[in-house]
PDB file of N, CA and C in Angstrom:
ATOM      1  N   UNK A   1       8.203-118.802  15.172  1.00  0.00           N
ATOM      2  CA  UNK A   1       6.685-118.918  14.239  1.00  0.00           C
ATOM      3  C   UNK A   1       5.530-117.610  14.487  1.00  0.00           C
ATOM      4  N   UNK A   2       5.879-117.143  15.724  1.00  0.00           N
ATOM      5  CA  UNK A   2       4.814-115.641  15.867  1.00  0.00           C
ATOM      6  C   UNK A   2       5.722-115.225  15.052  1.00  0.00           C
ATOM      7  N   UNK A   3       7.016-114.983  15.165  1.00  0.00           N
ATOM      8  CA  UNK A   3       7.734-113.944  14.652  1.00  0.00           C
ATOM      9  C   UNK A   3       7.662-113.876  13.029  1.00  0.00           C
ATOM     10  N   UNK A   4       7.377-114.879  12.912  1.00  0.00           N
ATOM     11  CA  UNK A   4       7.667-115.307  10.904  1.00  0.00           C
ATOM     12  C   UNK A   4       6.319-114.838  10.850  1.00  0.00           C
ATOM     13  N   UNK A   5       4.990-115.256  11.803  1.00  0.00           N
ATOM     14  CA  UNK A   5       3.756-114.648  11.634  1.00  0.00           C
ATOM     15  C   UNK A   5       3.665-112.923  11.342  1.00  0.00           C
ATOM     16  N   UNK A   6       4.042-112.532  12.454  1.00  0.00           N
ATOM     17  CA  UNK A   6       3.890-111.258  12.814  1.00  0.00           C
ATOM     18  C   UNK A   6       4.559-110.458  11.192  1.00  0.00           C
ATOM     19  N   UNK A   7       5.890-110.804  10.726  1.00  0.00           N
ATOM     20  CA  UNK A   7       6.563-110.216  10.084  1.00  0.00           C
ATOM     21  C   UNK A   7       5.896-110.524   8.804  1.00  0.00           C
ATOM     22  N   UNK A   8       5.051-111.741   7.987  1.00  0.00           N
ATOM     23  CA  UNK A   8       4.502-111.553   7.019  1.00  0.00           C
ATOM     24  C   UNK A   8       2.789-111.011   7.186  1.00  0.00           C
ATOM     25  N   UNK A   9       2.471-110.334   8.375  1.00  0.00           N
ATOM     26  CA  UNK A   9       1.257-109.663   8.045  1.00  0.00           C
ATOM     27  C   UNK A   9       1.404-108.280   8.210  1.00  0.00           C
ATOM     28  N   UNK A  10       2.760-107.826   8.485  1.00  0.00           N
ATOM     29  CA  UNK A  10       3.104-106.510   8.476  1.00  0.00           C
ATOM     30  C   UNK A  10       3.407-106.465   6.537  1.00  0.00           C
ATOM     31  N   UNK A  11       4.210-107.690   6.248  1.00  0.00           N
ATOM     32  CA  UNK A  11       4.102-107.020   4.753  1.00  0.00           C
ATOM     33  C   UNK A  11       3.211-107.045   3.585  1.00  0.00           C
ATOM     34  N   UNK A  12       1.999-107.952   4.074  1.00  0.00           N
ATOM     35  CA  UNK A  12       0.790-107.902   3.548  1.00  0.00           C
ATOM     36  C   UNK A  12       0.026-106.769   3.720  1.00  0.00           C
ATOM     37  N   UNK A  13       0.237-106.087   5.031  1.00  0.00           N
ATOM     38  CA  UNK A  13      -0.120-104.589   5.851  1.00  0.00           C
ATOM     39  C   UNK A  13       0.227-103.292   4.833  1.00  0.00           C
ATOM     40  N   UNK A  14       1.570-103.961   4.462  1.00  0.00           N
ATOM     41  CA  UNK A  14       2.303-103.050   3.765  1.00  0.00           C
ATOM     42  C   UNK A  14       1.990-102.647   2.363  1.00  0.00           C
ATOM     43  N   UNK A  15       1.526-103.702   1.993  1.00  0.00           N
ATOM     44  CA  UNK A  15       0.991-104.155   0.536  1.00  0.00           C
ATOM     45  C   UNK A  15      -0.209-103.395  -0.148  1.00  0.00           C
ATOM     46  N   UNK A  16      -1.100-103.692   1.271  1.00  0.00           N
ATOM     47  CA  UNK A  16      -2.483-102.923   1.094  1.00  0.00           C
ATOM     48  C   UNK A  16      -2.696-101.809   0.986  1.00  0.00           C
ATOM     49  N   UNK A  17      -1.822-100.895   2.073  1.00  0.00           N
ATOM     50  CA  UNK A  17      -1.655 -99.889   2.181  1.00  0.00           C
ATOM     51  C   UNK A  17      -0.936 -99.006   1.304  1.00  0.00           C
ATOM     52  N   UNK A  18      -0.110 -99.880   0.301  1.00  0.00           N
ATOM     53  CA  UNK A  18       0.508 -99.168  -0.920  1.00  0.00           C
ATOM     54  C   UNK A  18      -0.746 -99.175  -1.965  1.00  0.00           C
ATOM     55  N   UNK A  19      -1.320-100.626  -2.027  1.00  0.00           N
ATOM     56  CA  UNK A  19      -2.354-100.531  -2.932  1.00  0.00           C
ATOM     57  C   UNK A  19      -3.910 -99.546  -2.754  1.00  0.00           C
ATOM     58  N   UNK A  20      -3.996 -98.796  -1.450  1.00  0.00           N
ATOM     59  CA  UNK A  20      -4.685 -97.792  -1.229  1.00  0.00           C
ATOM     60  C   UNK A  20      -4.476 -96.668  -1.411  1.00  0.00           C
ATOM     61  N   UNK A  21      -3.034 -96.785  -1.448  1.00  0.00           N
ATOM     62  CA  UNK A  21      -2.474 -95.093  -1.328  1.00  0.00           C
ATOM     63  C   UNK A  21      -2.313 -94.895  -3.059  1.00  0.00           C
ATOM     64  N   UNK A  22      -2.822 -95.608  -3.967  1.00  0.00           N
ATOM     65  CA  UNK A  22      -2.343 -95.220  -5.536  1.00  0.00           C
ATOM     66  C   UNK A  22      -3.503 -94.010  -6.002  1.00  0.00           C
ATOM     67  N   UNK A  23      -2.308 -93.701  -7.130  1.00  0.00           N
ATOM     68  CA  UNK A  23      -3.002 -92.511  -7.359  1.00  0.00           C
ATOM     69  C   UNK A  23      -3.219 -92.602  -8.500  1.00  0.00           C
ATOM     70  N   UNK A  24      -4.439 -91.894  -9.063  1.00  0.00           N
ATOM     71  CA  UNK A  24      -4.794 -91.890 -10.276  1.00  0.00           C
ATOM     72  C   UNK A  24      -4.830 -90.931 -11.392  1.00  0.00           C
ATOM     73  N   UNK A  25      -4.419 -91.311 -12.563  1.00  0.00           N
ATOM     74  CA  UNK A  25      -4.265 -90.124 -13.484  1.00  0.00           C
ATOM     75  C   UNK A  25      -5.423 -90.497 -14.435  1.00  0.00           C
ATOM     76  N   UNK A  26      -5.693 -89.319 -14.695  1.00  0.00           N
ATOM     77  CA  UNK A  26      -7.154 -88.703 -15.878  1.00  0.00           C
ATOM     78  C   UNK A  26      -6.687 -88.123 -16.865  1.00  0.00           C
ATOM     79  N   UNK A  27      -7.557 -87.865 -18.007  1.00  0.00           N
ATOM     80  CA  UNK A  27      -6.981 -86.565 -18.858  1.00  0.00           C
ATOM     81  C   UNK A  27      -8.310 -86.224 -18.727  1.00  0.00           C
ATOM     82  N   UNK A  28      -7.924 -84.764 -19.097  1.00  0.00           N
ATOM     83  CA  UNK A  28      -9.049 -83.899 -18.614  1.00  0.00           C
ATOM     84  C   UNK A  28      -9.660 -83.347 -20.190  1.00  0.00           C
ATOM     85  N   UNK A  29     -11.110 -83.756 -20.464  1.00  0.00           N
ATOM     86  CA  UNK A  29     -10.928 -83.286 -21.904  1.00  0.00           C
ATOM     87  C   UNK A  29     -12.818 -82.411 -21.854  1.00  0.00           C
ATOM     88  N   UNK A  30     -12.929 -81.202 -21.802  1.00  0.00           N
ATOM     89  CA  UNK A  30     -14.387 -80.581 -21.911  1.00  0.00           C
ATOM     90  C   UNK A  30     -14.970 -81.025 -20.633  1.00  0.00           C
ATOM     91  N   UNK A  31     -15.951 -81.865 -20.545  1.00  0.00           N
ATOM     92  CA  UNK A  31     -16.515 -81.897 -19.443  1.00  0.00           C
ATOM     93  C   UNK A  31     -17.025 -83.881 -18.791  1.00  0.00           C
ATOM     94  N   UNK A  32     -15.727 -84.166 -19.558  1.00  0.00           N
ATOM     95  CA  UNK A  32     -15.178 -85.652 -19.741  1.00  0.00           C
ATOM     96  C   UNK A  32     -13.631 -85.951 -18.898  1.00  0.00           C
ATOM     97  N   UNK A  33     -13.466 -86.854 -18.352  1.00  0.00           N
ATOM     98  CA  UNK A  33     -12.621 -87.521 -17.374  1.00  0.00           C
ATOM     99  C   UNK A  33     -12.000 -88.921 -17.832  1.00  0.00           C
ATOM    100  N   UNK A  34     -11.160 -89.033 -18.591  1.00  0.00           N
ATOM    101  CA  UNK A  34     -10.411 -90.058 -20.139  1.00  0.00           C
ATOM    102  C   UNK A  34      -9.562 -90.633 -19.501  1.00  0.00           C
ATOM    103  N   UNK A  35      -9.185 -91.835 -19.571  1.00  0.00           N
ATOM    104  CA  UNK A  35      -8.154 -92.813 -18.962  1.00  0.00           C
ATOM    105  C   UNK A  35      -6.877 -92.272 -19.897  1.00  0.00           C
ATOM    106  N   UNK A  36      -5.329 -92.053 -18.896  1.00  0.00           N
ATOM    107  CA  UNK A  36      -4.634 -92.019 -20.115  1.00  0.00           C
ATOM    108  C   UNK A  36      -4.037 -93.077 -21.324  1.00  0.00           C
ATOM    109  N   UNK A  37      -5.122 -93.858 -20.606  1.00  0.00           N
ATOM    110  CA  UNK A  37      -4.538 -95.543 -22.182  1.00  0.00           C
ATOM    111  C   UNK A  37      -4.958 -95.085 -23.064  1.00  0.00           C
ATOM    112  N   UNK A  38      -6.308 -94.273 -23.071  1.00  0.00           N
ATOM    113  CA  UNK A  38      -6.868 -94.289 -24.125  1.00  0.00           C
ATOM    114  C   UNK A  38      -6.117 -93.337 -25.457  1.00  0.00           C
ATOM    115  N   UNK A  39      -5.436 -92.294 -24.335  1.00  0.00           N
ATOM    116  CA  UNK A  39      -5.105 -91.060 -25.351  1.00  0.00           C
ATOM    117  C   UNK A  39      -3.387 -91.358 -25.536  1.00  0.00           C
ATOM    118  N   UNK A  40      -2.875 -91.986 -24.230  1.00  0.00           N
ATOM    119  CA  UNK A  40      -1.457 -92.023 -24.529  1.00  0.00           C
ATOM    120  C   UNK A  40      -0.993 -93.205 -25.156  1.00  0.00           C
ATOM    121  N   UNK A  41      -1.530 -94.562 -25.660  1.00  0.00           N
ATOM    122  CA  UNK A  41      -1.200 -95.793 -25.768  1.00  0.00           C
ATOM    123  C   UNK A  41      -0.307 -95.084 -27.368  1.00  0.00           C
ATOM    124  N   UNK A  42      -1.034 -94.645 -28.160  1.00  0.00           N
ATOM    125  CA  UNK A  42      -0.257 -93.997 -29.258  1.00  0.00           C
ATOM    126  C   UNK A  42       0.785 -92.469 -29.123  1.00  0.00           C
ATOM    127  N   UNK A  43       1.066 -92.319 -28.045  1.00  0.00           N
ATOM    128  CA  UNK A  43       1.929 -91.047 -28.177  1.00  0.00           C
ATOM    129  C   UNK A  43       3.033 -91.645 -27.895  1.00  0.00           C
ATOM    130  N   UNK A  44       4.526 -90.891 -28.436  1.00  0.00           N
ATOM    131  CA  UNK A  44       5.454 -91.421 -28.863  1.00  0.00           C
ATOM    132  C   UNK A  44       6.259 -91.136 -27.501  1.00  0.00           C
ATOM    133  N   UNK A  45       5.838 -90.335 -26.707  1.00  0.00           N
ATOM    134  CA  UNK A  45       6.400 -89.972 -25.276  1.00  0.00           C
ATOM    135  C   UNK A  45       5.890 -90.915 -24.159  1.00  0.00           C
ATOM    136  N   UNK A  46       4.981 -91.801 -24.206  1.00  0.00           N
ATOM    137  CA  UNK A  46       4.490 -92.535 -23.075  1.00  0.00           C
ATOM    138  C   UNK A  46       5.651 -93.727 -22.838  1.00  0.00           C
ATOM    139  N   UNK A  47       5.387 -94.736 -22.028  1.00  0.00           N
ATOM    140  CA  UNK A  47       6.446 -95.325 -20.999  1.00  0.00           C
ATOM    141  C   UNK A  47       5.833 -96.789 -22.541  1.00  0.00           C
ATOM    142  N   UNK A  48       6.475 -97.826 -22.656  1.00  0.00           N
ATOM    143  CA  UNK A  48       6.298 -99.191 -23.099  1.00  0.00           C
ATOM    144  C   UNK A  48       4.901 -99.857 -22.900  1.00  0.00           C
ATOM    145  N   UNK A  49       4.407 -99.180 -21.611  1.00  0.00           N
ATOM    146  CA  UNK A  49       2.755-100.110 -21.488  1.00  0.00           C
ATOM    147  C   UNK A  49       1.947 -99.284 -22.140  1.00  0.00           C
ATOM    148  N   UNK A  50       2.209 -97.918 -22.444  1.00  0.00           N
ATOM    149  CA  UNK A  50       1.310 -96.788 -23.119  1.00  0.00           C
ATOM    150  C   UNK A  50       0.619 -96.361 -22.122  1.00  0.00           C
ATOM    151  N   UNK A  51       1.217 -95.952 -20.703  1.00  0.00           N
ATOM    152  CA  UNK A  51       0.823 -94.682 -20.166  1.00  0.00           C
ATOM    153  C   UNK A  51       2.014 -93.887 -19.936  1.00  0.00           C
ATOM    154  N   UNK A  52       1.188 -92.595 -19.497  1.00  0.00           N
ATOM    155  CA  UNK A  52       2.272 -91.461 -18.954  1.00  0.00           C
ATOM    156  C   UNK A  52       3.422 -91.684 -18.471  1.00  0.00           C
ATOM    157  N   UNK A  53       4.292 -90.941 -18.569  1.00  0.00           N
ATOM    158  CA  UNK A  53       5.885 -91.033 -17.722  1.00  0.00           C
ATOM    159  C   UNK A  53       5.444 -90.397 -16.386  1.00  0.00           C
ATOM    160  N   UNK A  54       4.720 -91.118 -15.666  1.00  0.00           N
ATOM    161  CA  UNK A  54       4.452 -90.710 -14.269  1.00  0.00           C
ATOM    162  C   UNK A  54       5.448 -91.246 -12.938  1.00  0.00           C
ATOM    163  N   UNK A  55       6.549 -89.939 -12.402  1.00  0.00           N
ATOM    164  CA  UNK A  55       7.234 -90.890 -11.639  1.00  0.00           C
ATOM    165  C   UNK A  55       7.219 -89.722 -10.204  1.00  0.00           C
ATOM    166  N   UNK A  56       7.245 -90.132  -9.429  1.00  0.00           N
ATOM    167  CA  UNK A  56       7.472 -89.150  -8.307  1.00  0.00           C
ATOM    168  C   UNK A  56       6.573 -88.310  -7.767  1.00  0.00           C
ATOM    169  N   UNK A  57       5.414 -88.398  -7.959  1.00  0.00           N
ATOM    170  CA  UNK A  57       4.201 -87.054  -8.437  1.00  0.00           C
ATOM    171  C   UNK A  57       4.403 -86.262  -9.586  1.00  0.00           C
ATOM    172  N   UNK A  58       5.408 -86.576 -10.708  1.00  0.00           N
ATOM    173  CA  UNK A  58       5.828 -85.665 -11.483  1.00  0.00           C
ATOM    174  C   UNK A  58       5.174 -86.432 -13.159  1.00  0.00           C
ATOM    175  N   UNK A  59       4.716 -85.330 -13.590  1.00  0.00           N
ATOM    176  CA  UNK A  59       4.529 -86.252 -15.343  1.00  0.00           C
ATOM    177  C   UNK A  59       5.811 -85.671 -15.904  1.00  0.00           C
ATOM    178  N   UNK A  60       6.751 -86.780 -15.978  1.00  0.00           N
ATOM    179  CA  UNK A  60       7.994 -86.578 -16.914  1.00  0.00           C
ATOM    180  C   UNK A  60       7.948 -86.225 -18.839  1.00  0.00           C
ATOM    181  N   UNK A  61       6.837 -86.947 -19.137  1.00  0.00           N
ATOM    182  CA  UNK A  61       6.377 -86.086 -20.830  1.00  0.00           C
ATOM    183  C   UNK A  61       5.551 -84.780 -20.664  1.00  0.00           C
ATOM    184  N   UNK A  62       5.337 -83.906 -19.627  1.00  0.00           N
ATOM    185  CA  UNK A  62       4.842 -83.070 -19.498  1.00  0.00           C
ATOM    186  C   UNK A  62       5.168 -81.781 -18.433  1.00  0.00           C
ATOM    187  N   UNK A  63       4.619 -81.122 -17.877  1.00  0.00           N
ATOM    188  CA  UNK A  63       4.769 -79.859 -16.954  1.00  0.00           C
ATOM    189  C   UNK A  63       3.842 -79.613 -16.150  1.00  0.00           C
ATOM    190  N   UNK A  64       4.102 -78.952 -14.972  1.00  0.00           N
ATOM    191  CA  UNK A  64       3.398 -78.881 -13.844  1.00  0.00           C
ATOM    192  C   UNK A  64       2.490 -77.469 -14.577  1.00  0.00           C
ATOM    193  N   UNK A  65       1.311 -77.606 -14.241  1.00  0.00           N
ATOM    194  CA  UNK A  65       0.687 -76.484 -14.187  1.00  0.00           C
ATOM    195  C   UNK A  65       0.501 -75.452 -12.953  1.00  0.00           C
ATOM    196  N   UNK A  66      -0.145 -74.607 -12.733  1.00  0.00           N
ATOM    197  CA  UNK A  66      -0.339 -73.912 -11.296  1.00  0.00           C
ATOM    198  C   UNK A  66      -1.316 -74.341 -10.796  1.00  0.00           C
ATOM    199  N   UNK A  67      -1.470 -74.573 -10.056  1.00  0.00           N
ATOM    200  CA  UNK A  67      -2.319 -75.173  -8.713  1.00  0.00           C
ATOM    201  C   UNK A  67      -3.466 -74.126  -8.448  1.00  0.00           C
ATOM    202  N   UNK A  68      -4.729 -73.953  -8.870  1.00  0.00           N
ATOM    203  CA  UNK A  68      -5.576 -72.710  -8.576  1.00  0.00           C
ATOM    204  C   UNK A  68      -5.707 -72.820  -7.055  1.00  0.00           C
ATOM    205  N   UNK A  69      -6.197 -73.520  -6.485  1.00  0.00           N
ATOM    206  CA  UNK A  69      -6.173 -73.984  -4.972  1.00  0.00           C
ATOM    207  C   UNK A  69      -5.294 -75.219  -4.395  1.00  0.00           C
ATOM    208  N   UNK A  70      -5.823 -75.420  -3.340  1.00  0.00           N
ATOM    209  CA  UNK A  70      -5.350 -76.811  -2.564  1.00  0.00           C
ATOM    210  C   UNK A  70      -6.486 -78.088  -2.672  1.00  0.00           C
ATOM    211  N   UNK A  71      -7.807 -77.502  -3.143  1.00  0.00           N
ATOM    212  CA  UNK A  71      -8.602 -78.665  -2.951  1.00  0.00           C
ATOM    213  C   UNK A  71      -8.572 -79.145  -4.597  1.00  0.00           C
ATOM    214  N   UNK A  72      -8.164 -78.724  -5.693  1.00  0.00           N
ATOM    215  CA  UNK A  72      -8.040 -79.340  -6.633  1.00  0.00           C
ATOM    216  C   UNK A  72      -6.937 -80.109  -7.136  1.00  0.00           C
ATOM    217  N   UNK A  73      -7.450 -80.799  -7.807  1.00  0.00           N
ATOM    218  CA  UNK A  73      -6.316 -82.249  -7.930  1.00  0.00           C
ATOM    219  C   UNK A  73      -4.859 -81.727  -8.657  1.00  0.00           C
ATOM    220  N   UNK A  74      -3.662 -82.056  -8.657  1.00  0.00           N
ATOM    221  CA  UNK A  74      -2.505 -81.573  -9.191  1.00  0.00           C
ATOM    222  C   UNK A  74      -2.787 -81.408 -10.840  1.00  0.00           C
ATOM    223  N   UNK A  75      -2.774 -80.501 -11.122  1.00  0.00           N
ATOM    224  CA  UNK A  75      -3.006 -80.498 -13.043  1.00  0.00           C
ATOM    225  C   UNK A  75      -1.343 -80.764 -13.596  1.00  0.00           C
ATOM    226  N   UNK A  76      -1.126 -81.135 -14.523  1.00  0.00           N
ATOM    227  CA  UNK A  76      -0.232 -81.104 -15.785  1.00  0.00           C
ATOM    228  C   UNK A  76      -0.846 -81.331 -17.132  1.00  0.00           C
ATOM    229  N   UNK A  77       0.301 -80.604 -17.735  1.00  0.00           N
ATOM    230  CA  UNK A  77       0.071 -80.401 -19.469  1.00  0.00           C
ATOM    231  C   UNK A  77       1.319 -81.303 -20.185  1.00  0.00           C
ATOM    232  N   UNK A  78       0.133 -82.618 -21.135  1.00  0.00           N
ATOM    233  CA  UNK A  78       1.579 -83.422 -21.600  1.00  0.00           C
ATOM    234  C   UNK A  78       2.194 -82.747 -22.444  1.00  0.00           C
ATOM    235  N   UNK A  79       3.064 -83.182 -23.452  1.00  0.00           N
ATOM    236  CA  UNK A  79       4.327 -82.721 -24.449  1.00  0.00           C
ATOM    237  C   UNK A  79       2.948 -82.220 -25.437  1.00  0.00           C
ATOM    238  N   UNK A  80       1.946 -83.391 -25.467  1.00  0.00           N
ATOM    239  CA  UNK A  80       0.801 -83.255 -26.783  1.00  0.00           C
ATOM    240  C   UNK A  80      -0.211 -82.061 -26.504  1.00  0.00           C
ATOM    241  N   UNK A  81      -0.524 -81.829 -25.420  1.00  0.00           N
ATOM    242  CA  UNK A  81      -1.617 -80.627 -25.093  1.00  0.00           C
ATOM    243  C   UNK A  81      -3.013 -81.175 -24.069  1.00  0.00           C
ATOM    244  N   UNK A  82      -2.328 -82.477 -24.216  1.00  0.00           N
ATOM    245  CA  UNK A  82      -3.649 -83.110 -23.226  1.00  0.00           C
ATOM    246  C   UNK A  82      -3.742 -82.532 -21.623  1.00  0.00           C
ATOM    247  N   UNK A  83      -4.329 -82.286 -21.020  1.00  0.00           N
ATOM    248  CA  UNK A  83      -4.304 -81.568 -19.713  1.00  0.00           C
ATOM    249  C   UNK A  83      -4.704 -83.100 -18.539  1.00  0.00           C
ATOM    250  N   UNK A  84      -3.563 -83.216 -17.946  1.00  0.00           N
ATOM    251  CA  UNK A  84      -3.712 -84.750 -16.854  1.00  0.00           C
ATOM    252  C   UNK A  84      -3.910 -84.249 -15.657  1.00  0.00           C
ATOM    253  N   UNK A  85      -4.675 -84.444 -15.012  1.00  0.00           N
ATOM    254  CA  UNK A  85      -4.780 -84.465 -13.493  1.00  0.00           C
ATOM    255  C   UNK A  85      -4.480 -85.761 -12.625  1.00  0.00           C
ATOM    256  N   UNK A  86      -4.308 -85.654 -11.755  1.00  0.00           N
ATOM    257  CA  UNK A  86      -4.080 -86.425 -10.607  1.00  0.00           C
ATOM    258  C   UNK A  86      -4.718 -86.679  -9.510  1.00  0.00           C
ATOM    259  N   UNK A  87      -5.446 -87.373  -9.432  1.00  0.00           N
ATOM    260  CA  UNK A  87      -6.753 -87.655  -8.567  1.00  0.00           C
ATOM    261  C   UNK A  87      -5.569 -88.392  -7.310  1.00  0.00           C
ATOM    262  N   UNK A  88      -6.207 -87.944  -5.976  1.00  0.00           N
ATOM    263  CA  UNK A  88      -5.369 -89.023  -4.978  1.00  0.00           C
ATOM    264  C   UNK A  88      -6.462 -89.599  -4.227  1.00  0.00           C
TER     265      UNK A  88
END
């Protein structure tokens, strides 16, 4: 019984850590941060849920931009020309 409880605790800890490590994608426009859902849901390149095609740290519907310095978040430009940032 103790082994099962310990295994269950490890599963929950892993799920909690996964939730805490979620990256957030934002669209950068002038001086605003906009949710990709507001922009991407009408895009033909978006996934079936209207979100950017994001996988393994890469924007699949765009290209990576040169990072000015390590303190800035990774930025991408989508096929529609919007600048997308990955906030960790």
